[in-house]
Protein backbone atom coordinates (compact mmCIF):
# COMPACT_ATOMS: atom_id res chain seq x y z
CA UNK A 1 0.04 0.10 -0.06
CA UNK A 2 1.41 3.43 -1.03
CA UNK A 3 0.29 6.71 0.31
CA UNK A 4 1.15 9.99 -1.44
CA UNK A 5 1.78 13.19 0.16
CA UNK A 6 -0.73 16.15 -0.11
CA UNK A 7 -0.88 18.18 2.91
CA UNK A 8 -4.36 18.68 4.03
CA UNK A 9 -5.47 16.51 1.17
CA UNK A 10 -4.26 13.35 2.78
CA UNK A 11 -7.90 13.29 4.14
CA UNK A 12 -8.99 12.37 0.55
CA UNK A 13 -6.43 9.43 0.55
CA UNK A 14 -8.34 8.18 3.92
CA UNK A 15 -11.75 8.68 2.41
CA UNK A 16 -10.66 6.42 -0.57
CA UNK A 17 -9.16 3.77 1.81
CA UNK A 18 -12.50 3.74 4.06
CA UNK A 19 -14.29 2.81 0.96
CA UNK A 20 -11.64 0.10 0.27
CA UNK A 21 -12.14 -1.07 3.88
CA UNK A 22 -15.84 -1.22 3.38
CA UNK A 23 -15.47 -3.26 0.21
CA UNK A 24 -12.97 -5.62 1.90
CA UNK A 25 -15.73 -6.19 4.69
CA UNK A 26 -18.23 -7.09 1.94
CA UNK A 27 -16.04 -9.67 0.30
CA UNK A 28 -14.82 -11.36 3.62
CA UNK A 29 -18.52 -11.75 4.52
CA UNK A 30 -19.32 -12.93 1.17
CA UNK A 31 -16.47 -15.50 0.75
CA UNK A 32 -16.96 -16.75 4.30
CA UNK A 33 -20.58 -17.57 3.66
CA UNK A 34 -19.44 -19.43 0.53
CA UNK A 35 -16.82 -21.46 1.89
CA UNK A 36 -17.72 -22.35 5.34
CA UNK A 37 -19.73 -25.28 5.75
CA UNK A 38 -19.26 -25.70 9.55
CA UNK A 39 -21.91 -25.59 12.07
CA UNK A 40 -20.51 -22.49 13.86
CA UNK A 41 -18.68 -20.36 11.22
CA UNK A 42 -16.47 -17.76 12.27
CA UNK A 43 -17.76 -14.19 12.53
CA UNK A 44 -16.19 -11.24 10.73
CA UNK A 45 -16.64 -7.79 12.52
CA UNK A 46 -16.11 -5.16 9.83
CA UNK A 47 -15.46 -2.66 12.83
CA UNK A 48 -12.28 -4.32 13.78
CA UNK A 49 -10.97 -4.27 10.26
CA UNK A 50 -7.28 -3.28 9.90
CA UNK A 51 -5.63 -2.72 6.49
CA UNK A 52 -2.17 -4.08 8.06
CA UNK A 53 -3.96 -7.42 7.59
CA UNK A 54 -4.18 -7.10 4.00
CA UNK A 55 -0.74 -5.62 3.15
CA UNK A 56 2.71 -6.86 3.82
CA UNK A 57 4.22 -3.47 3.28
CA UNK A 58 2.99 0.03 3.76
CA UNK A 59 4.93 3.09 2.30
CA UNK A 60 3.90 6.72 2.90
CA UNK A 61 5.39 10.16 2.14
CA UNK A 62 4.55 13.57 4.03
CA UNK A 63 0.97 13.27 5.06
CA UNK A 64 1.02 10.00 3.55
CA UNK A 65 3.68 8.93 5.81
CA UNK A 66 1.30 9.85 8.79
CA UNK A 67 -1.30 7.55 7.22
CA UNK A 68 1.21 4.67 6.95
CA UNK A 69 2.14 5.08 10.64
CA UNK A 70 -1.53 5.18 11.69
CA UNK A 71 -2.43 2.32 9.79
CA UNK A 72 0.66 0.22 10.07
CA UNK A 73 2.83 1.03 13.01
CA UNK A 74 -0.07 1.97 15.30
CA UNK A 75 -2.48 -0.59 13.86
CA UNK A 76 -5.47 1.71 13.76
CA UNK A 77 -8.66 1.31 11.69
CA UNK A 78 -9.35 3.80 8.87
CA UNK A 79 -12.13 5.31 10.76
CA UNK A 80 -9.94 5.99 13.67
CA UNK A 81 -7.37 7.57 11.33
CA UNK A 82 -10.10 9.78 9.77
CA UNK A 83 -10.92 10.86 13.26
CA UNK A 84 -7.33 11.61 14.16
CA UNK A 85 -6.49 13.44 10.96
CA UNK A 86 -9.43 15.66 11.18
CA UNK A 87 -8.26 16.82 14.62
CA UNK A 88 -4.63 16.94 13.62
CA UNK A 89 -5.49 19.09 10.67
CA UNK A 90 -7.30 21.66 12.75
CA UNK A 91 -4.64 21.74 15.54
CA UNK A 92 -1.75 22.18 13.05
CA UNK A 93 -3.17 24.59 10.34
CA UNK A 94 -5.78 26.36 12.42
CA UNK A 95 -3.63 29.39 13.06
CA UNK A 96 -0.60 30.61 11.14
CA UNK A 97 2.46 32.13 12.66
CA UNK A 98 2.75 35.87 12.27
CA UNK A 99 6.26 35.52 10.63
CA UNK A 100 4.64 32.87 8.50
CA UNK A 101 3.05 35.61 6.27
CA UNK A 102 6.40 36.70 5.02
CA UNK A 103 7.79 35.10 1.82
CA UNK A 104 9.50 31.84 2.37
CA UNK A 105 9.22 32.00 6.21
CA UNK A 106 8.01 28.97 8.30
CA UNK A 107 4.01 29.24 8.41
CA UNK A 108 2.99 26.95 11.29
CA UNK A 109 4.29 25.95 14.77
CA UNK A 110 6.33 22.81 14.85
CA UNK A 111 5.88 22.52 18.39
CA UNK A 112 2.06 22.21 17.95
CA UNK A 113 2.59 19.51 15.31
CA UNK A 114 5.07 17.71 17.75
CA UNK A 115 2.75 17.74 20.66
CA UNK A 116 -0.29 16.59 18.52
CA UNK A 117 1.95 13.72 17.43
CA UNK A 118 2.85 12.73 20.79
CA UNK A 119 -0.92 12.75 21.83
CA UNK A 120 -1.76 10.54 18.87
CA UNK A 121 0.95 7.99 19.88
CA UNK A 122 0.12 7.93 23.53
CA UNK A 123 -3.45 7.31 22.83
CA UNK A 124 -2.98 4.35 20.44
CA UNK A 125 0.37 3.03 21.68
CA UNK A 126 3.07 3.92 24.28
CA UNK A 127 4.43 7.38 23.75
CA UNK A 128 8.05 6.52 24.34
CA UNK A 129 8.05 3.70 21.86
CA UNK A 130 10.66 3.74 18.78
CA UNK A 131 9.40 3.39 15.35
CA UNK A 132 11.18 0.11 14.75
CA UNK A 133 9.08 -3.00 15.32
CA UNK A 134 9.09 -6.82 15.29
CA UNK A 135 9.37 -8.83 12.04
CA UNK A 136 5.84 -10.49 12.28
CA UNK A 137 3.90 -7.00 11.69
CA UNK A 138 3.25 -5.31 8.74
CA UNK A 139 6.30 -3.65 7.37
CA UNK A 140 5.88 0.22 7.38
CA UNK A 141 8.03 2.55 5.51
CA UNK A 142 8.09 6.46 5.76
CA UNK A 143 9.80 8.84 3.47
CA UNK A 144 11.63 11.77 4.36
CA UNK A 145 14.75 13.86 3.46
CA UNK A 146 17.83 13.90 5.71
CA UNK A 147 19.60 17.16 5.51
CA UNK A 148 22.63 16.15 7.43
CA UNK A 149 24.32 12.83 7.17
CA UNK A 150 23.91 10.27 9.78
CA UNK A 151 23.75 6.73 10.45
CA UNK A 152 19.81 6.03 10.96
CA UNK A 153 17.65 2.96 10.45
CA UNK A 154 14.00 1.81 9.28
CA UNK A 155 11.69 -0.78 7.14
CA UNK A 156 8.36 -2.56 6.39
CA UNK A 157 6.27 0.56 7.21
CA UNK A 158 8.18 2.91 5.31
CA UNK A 159 8.08 6.63 5.63
CA UNK A 160 10.26 8.86 3.27
CA UNK A 161 12.24 11.86 4.44
CA UNK A 162 15.06 13.88 2.77
CA UNK A 163 18.72 14.23 4.00
CA UNK A 164 22.03 15.46 2.58
CA UNK A 165 25.47 13.87 2.16
CA UNK A 166 25.38 10.43 0.44
CA UNK A 167 21.66 10.33 0.30
CA UNK A 168 20.96 13.77 -1.12
CA UNK A 169 19.82 12.41 -4.52
CA UNK A 170 17.32 9.89 -3.29
CA UNK A 171 14.75 9.54 -0.46
CA UNK A 172 15.81 8.45 2.91
CA UNK A 173 13.46 5.45 4.40
CA UNK A 174 12.45 5.56 7.94
CA UNK A 175 11.68 1.81 8.43
CA UNK A 176 9.98 -0.30 10.96
CA UNK A 177 12.30 -3.20 10.03
CA UNK A 178 15.92 -3.58 8.79
CA UNK A 179 16.54 -4.66 5.27
CA UNK A 180 19.50 -7.39 5.23
CA UNK A 181 19.71 -7.26 1.36
CA UNK A 182 23.48 -7.20 0.28
CA UNK A 183 22.40 -5.54 -3.01
CA UNK A 184 19.80 -4.94 -5.43
CA UNK A 185 19.64 -5.52 -9.20
CA UNK A 186 19.81 -2.78 -11.79
CA UNK A 187 18.02 -0.68 -12.48
CA UNK A 188 16.51 -0.67 -8.92
CA UNK A 189 17.89 2.06 -6.58
CA UNK A 190 19.37 0.93 -3.36
CA UNK A 191 18.28 2.81 -0.21
CA UNK A 192 19.39 2.97 3.42
CA UNK A 193 18.58 -0.26 5.14
CA UNK A 194 18.47 0.11 8.75
CA UNK A 195 15.12 0.30 11.06
CA UNK A 196 14.65 3.60 12.26
CA UNK A 197 15.64 4.54 16.00
CA UNK A 198 13.46 7.64 16.09
CA UNK A 199 10.45 7.69 18.10
CA UNK A 200 7.06 7.17 16.44
CA UNK A 201 6.19 10.89 17.09
CA UNK A 202 9.62 11.78 15.60
CA UNK A 203 9.01 9.87 12.40
CA UNK A 204 5.67 11.69 11.91
CA UNK A 205 7.46 15.10 12.31
CA UNK A 206 10.39 13.93 10.06
CA UNK A 207 8.14 12.95 7.04
CA UNK A 208 6.01 16.17 7.27
CA UNK A 209 8.58 18.79 7.80
CA UNK A 210 7.49 20.52 4.53
CA UNK A 211 9.66 23.61 3.58
CA UNK A 212 7.99 26.83 4.30
CA UNK A 213 5.17 25.04 6.49
CA UNK A 214 7.44 23.61 9.43
CA UNK A 215 11.05 23.74 10.35
CA UNK A 216 13.26 20.79 9.55
CA UNK A 217 13.00 18.10 12.24
CA UNK A 218 16.29 17.74 14.30
CA UNK A 219 17.32 15.40 16.68
CA UNK A 220 20.69 13.74 18.00
CA UNK A 221 21.34 10.10 17.77
CA UNK A 222 24.58 8.24 18.49
CA UNK A 223 26.18 11.60 19.16
CA UNK A 224 25.27 13.23 15.63
CA UNK A 225 22.95 16.06 15.04
CA UNK A 226 20.37 14.94 12.24
CA UNK A 227 18.03 17.06 10.32
CA UNK A 228 15.13 15.98 8.23
CA UNK A 229 12.57 17.54 5.88
CA UNK A 230 9.58 16.48 4.11
CA UNK A 231 9.92 13.20 1.89
CA UNK A 232 7.76 14.82 -0.84
CA UNK A 233 10.84 16.71 -1.96
CA UNK A 234 12.32 13.45 -3.38
CA UNK A 235 9.30 10.88 -3.51
CA UNK A 236 5.89 12.46 -3.14
CA UNK A 237 4.45 9.36 -4.80
CA UNK A 238 6.48 6.42 -3.31
CA UNK A 239 5.58 3.87 -5.80
CA UNK A 240 8.83 3.56 -7.56
CA UNK A 241 10.63 3.33 -4.26
CA UNK A 242 8.37 0.46 -3.19
CA UNK A 243 8.92 -1.33 -6.56
CA UNK A 244 12.69 -0.96 -6.21
CA UNK A 245 12.65 -2.32 -2.72
CA UNK A 246 10.52 -5.30 -3.60
CA UNK A 247 12.45 -5.92 -6.63
CA UNK A 248 15.62 -6.02 -4.44
CA UNK A 249 14.09 -8.54 -1.90
CA UNK A 250 11.89 -10.77 -3.92
CA UNK A 251 13.34 -10.22 -7.47
CA UNK A 252 9.82 -10.18 -8.80
CA UNK A 253 6.61 -8.08 -9.13
CA UNK A 254 4.36 -7.90 -6.14
CA UNK A 255 1.00 -9.61 -6.19
CA UNK A 256 -0.59 -6.17 -5.68
CA UNK A 257 0.99 -2.58 -5.53
CA UNK A 258 -1.88 -0.16 -4.78
CA UNK A 259 -0.99 3.62 -4.84
CA UNK A 260 -3.39 6.15 -3.58
CA UNK A 261 -3.23 9.81 -4.51
CA UNK A 262 -4.63 12.99 -2.91
CA UNK A 263 -6.12 14.52 -6.04
CA UNK A 264 -4.69 15.93 -9.54
CA UNK A 265 -4.68 19.58 -10.17
CA UNK A 266 -7.14 20.72 -12.63
CA UNK A 267 -5.44 23.77 -13.78
CA UNK A 268 -1.62 23.67 -14.88
CA UNK A 269 0.43 26.38 -13.42
CA UNK A 270 3.13 27.02 -15.95
CA UNK A 271 3.42 30.78 -15.15
CA UNK A 272 2.86 31.84 -18.61
CA UNK A 273 -0.96 32.21 -18.22
CA UNK A 274 -0.76 34.03 -14.99
CA UNK A 275 -1.16 37.36 -16.83
CA UNK A 276 0.80 40.59 -16.54
CA UNK A 277 4.22 41.69 -18.10
CA UNK A 278 7.05 39.56 -18.29
CA UNK A 279 8.77 39.40 -14.97
CA UNK A 280 5.51 40.57 -13.23
CA UNK A 281 5.20 39.41 -9.74
CA UNK A 282 2.32 37.17 -10.59
CA UNK A 283 4.20 35.44 -13.18
CA UNK A 284 7.21 34.78 -11.05
CA UNK A 285 4.92 33.41 -8.32
CA UNK A 286 3.12 31.14 -10.93
CA UNK A 287 6.37 29.99 -12.20
CA UNK A 288 7.77 29.10 -8.59
CA UNK A 289 4.59 27.17 -7.99
CA UNK A 290 4.92 25.17 -11.22
CA UNK A 291 8.63 24.29 -10.12
CA UNK A 292 7.14 23.10 -6.71
CA UNK A 293 4.62 21.20 -8.35
CA UNK A 294 6.88 19.32 -10.88
CA UNK A 295 9.27 18.69 -8.12
CA UNK A 296 6.75 17.07 -5.98
CA UNK A 297 4.49 15.38 -8.72
CA UNK A 298 2.84 12.24 -8.18
CA UNK A 299 1.49 11.73 -11.83
CA UNK A 300 5.07 11.65 -13.27
CA UNK A 301 5.92 8.55 -11.15
CA UNK A 302 2.48 7.11 -12.02
CA UNK A 303 3.26 7.20 -15.50
CA UNK A 304 6.60 5.73 -15.12
CA UNK A 305 4.88 2.83 -13.03
CA UNK A 306 2.38 2.20 -15.83
CA UNK A 307 5.26 1.71 -18.16
CA UNK A 308 6.94 -0.83 -15.66
CA UNK A 309 3.80 -2.68 -15.22
CA UNK A 310 2.28 -2.66 -18.55
CA UNK A 311 -0.79 -0.64 -17.30
CA UNK A 312 -3.13 -1.39 -14.38
CA UNK A 313 -4.48 -4.65 -15.59
CA UNK A 314 -2.25 -6.92 -13.36
CA UNK A 315 -0.43 -6.01 -10.10
CA UNK A 316 -0.18 -2.27 -10.36
CA UNK A 317 -3.33 -0.22 -9.51
CA UNK A 318 -3.74 3.59 -8.61
CA UNK A 319 -6.65 5.50 -7.26
CA UNK A 320 -6.40 9.45 -7.51
CA UNK A 321 -9.30 11.87 -7.90
CA UNK A 322 -9.17 13.48 -11.18
CA UNK A 323 -11.13 16.54 -10.14
CA UNK A 324 -12.66 18.57 -7.27
CA UNK A 325 -10.05 18.31 -4.63
CA UNK A 326 -6.70 18.38 -6.28
CA UNK A 327 -6.62 22.41 -6.20
CA UNK A 328 -7.32 22.37 -2.47
CA UNK A 329 -4.06 24.18 -1.07
CA UNK A 330 -1.92 22.01 1.18
CA UNK A 331 -2.72 23.97 4.20
CA UNK A 332 -6.33 25.14 3.24
CA UNK A 333 -8.66 25.02 6.30
CA UNK A 334 -11.73 27.16 5.93
CA UNK A 335 -14.33 27.23 8.53
CA UNK A 336 -17.85 26.11 7.51
CA UNK A 337 -20.67 23.39 7.80
CA UNK A 338 -19.66 19.79 8.26
CA UNK A 339 -21.52 16.71 8.83
CA UNK A 340 -20.29 14.25 11.49
CA UNK A 341 -20.43 10.79 9.77
CA UNK A 342 -20.89 9.09 13.19
CA UNK A 343 -23.91 11.05 14.34
CA UNK A 344 -25.37 12.82 11.12
CA UNK A 345 -25.02 16.09 13.07
CA UNK A 346 -24.11 19.45 11.12
CA UNK A 347 -22.21 21.91 12.65
CA UNK A 348 -19.67 24.61 11.92
CA UNK A 349 -16.18 23.83 12.79
CA UNK A 350 -12.77 25.06 11.80
CA UNK A 351 -11.90 23.49 8.47
CA UNK A 352 -15.56 22.26 8.10
CA UNK A 353 -15.90 23.83 4.45
CA UNK A 354 -12.65 22.21 3.28
CA UNK A 355 -13.45 18.76 4.90
CA UNK A 356 -16.92 19.02 3.25
CA UNK A 357 -15.43 19.91 -0.22
CA UNK A 358 -13.01 17.03 0.15
CA UNK A 359 -15.68 14.61 1.10
CA UNK A 360 -18.01 15.65 -1.74
CA UNK A 361 -15.10 15.69 -4.37
CA UNK A 362 -13.94 12.27 -3.28
CA UNK A 363 -17.46 10.90 -3.29
CA UNK A 364 -18.00 12.41 -6.78
CA UNK A 365 -14.70 10.65 -7.96
CA UNK A 366 -15.66 7.26 -6.77
CA UNK A 367 -19.21 7.32 -8.29
CA UNK A 368 -18.26 8.49 -11.63
CA UNK A 369 -17.99 6.47 -14.67
CA UNK A 370 -15.00 5.31 -16.59
CA UNK A 371 -12.91 8.32 -18.05
CA UNK A 372 -10.11 7.29 -20.56
CA UNK A 373 -7.99 10.23 -19.90
CA UNK A 374 -7.45 8.96 -16.26
CA UNK A 375 -8.20 5.31 -15.83
CA UNK A 376 -6.65 2.67 -18.08
CA UNK A 377 -8.77 -0.30 -16.91
CA UNK A 378 -11.87 0.24 -14.80
CA UNK A 379 -14.01 3.30 -13.34
CA UNK A 380 -12.84 3.97 -9.59
CA UNK A 381 -15.67 1.99 -7.71
CA UNK A 382 -15.19 -1.09 -9.93
CA UNK A 383 -11.51 -0.77 -9.35
CA UNK A 384 -11.97 -0.70 -5.62
CA UNK A 385 -14.21 -3.92 -5.65
CA UNK A 386 -11.40 -5.73 -7.83
CA UNK A 387 -8.75 -4.59 -5.28
CA UNK A 388 -10.83 -5.51 -2.35
CA UNK A 389 -11.65 -9.23 -3.72
CA UNK A 390 -8.09 -9.71 -4.58
CA UNK A 391 -6.92 -8.67 -1.05
CA UNK A 392 -9.32 -10.87 0.67
CA UNK A 393 -8.48 -13.90 -1.51
CA UNK A 394 -4.79 -13.27 -0.89
CA UNK A 395 -5.33 -12.94 2.84
CA UNK A 396 -7.47 -16.06 2.97
CA UNK A 397 -5.06 -18.15 0.80
CA UNK A 398 -2.09 -17.24 3.32
CA UNK A 399 -4.10 -18.18 6.38
CA UNK A 400 -5.27 -21.44 4.79
CA UNK A 401 -1.53 -22.53 4.65
CA UNK A 402 -0.49 -20.81 7.71
CA UNK A 403 2.20 -18.65 6.20
CA UNK A 404 3.51 -15.80 8.46
CA UNK A 405 0.02 -15.10 10.08
CA UNK A 406 0.19 -12.64 12.91
CA UNK A 407 -2.84 -11.03 14.57
CA UNK A 408 -0.95 -8.50 16.79
CA UNK A 409 -3.32 -5.70 17.35
CA UNK A 410 -6.55 -7.13 18.89
CA UNK A 411 -6.74 -4.62 21.64
CA UNK A 412 -4.31 -1.96 20.32
CA UNK A 413 -1.80 -2.85 22.97
CA UNK A 414 1.67 -1.75 22.29
CA UNK A 415 4.65 -3.72 23.74
CA UNK A 416 8.29 -2.99 23.73
CA UNK A 417 10.42 -5.46 21.54
């Protein structure tokens, strides 16, 4: 499972995963009824479904890294993750620092983000736990960028970050598990291999340290000062990173590589349609935004993966809204009316208008028909059901032969390994 970065639009990604979780529940119940002839069939509770039971590896970048940590390392349900994400967004993006209105200044308080991250970890795990975890759990990878060279570690839930020195040209992988591969075959890139010694809250902070939004995350490990920035600078769409890693470990394509985006922009910002005279401030700002868009582009990687996989008809699939949400700013949080999905109650809240827009835009995307300009195989909802059925059949096949089964999160209790 691969989760793109996208700021506040990470909520869109979770909405899509919520639909996938619902479809998985449907197929679990259906296949159980078809195959179980026993007097007392096992019951399946959709409320306990966790995607970490269906994916061996979860990769995420930036806000996608937050999703990867919640689903993979903290073993949260999608519903729990949606609730946490709504609260985190309103806490982090609710009020900009005064200095944040200056060009290229840091807009938001890093301390608020760090405290919010610690609260999440304390609620769903032990706030002192490190990110690295036992080998019998879903492997989580978070992408970041390391600004200063260090000897860090990570794997299986994988979050990307960015860092300088010998890793400056490629993502730095914050892993729950150490990779023991001696080498990887060409053309796959080889990344850092060690599991991360960062605390879980530190991993959340490291992968989300977006330039101009938050200060780089700094920490001292083994006597060395390390600084991270947002992994979206190197791999906003972690699909190719995941494929490289899988090729190195298994030397074959995965049974399923599912990439989830946070929405495509409907209006290209090349700077030349911004109006005004050449060199005008509006044109310069638009060109700068275009540079950032291209540097953090997810669709370029998607096109590369389509070429590698030969389309979306076998092991590679991607779900990414083509309209309605892609132009929502990374930090947009407009107050307005929002409907609580648990109670149906309507109320005005910080970010309510933005949340409602993302919910309606995602729903429109999921319910629309096939569009050849965006899909290569099936309309979104058909694709979700195809993916869900495949995931359920793969899980059931794995359990039927007893290969590597581990149910480690029944009560969300976190133990130190």
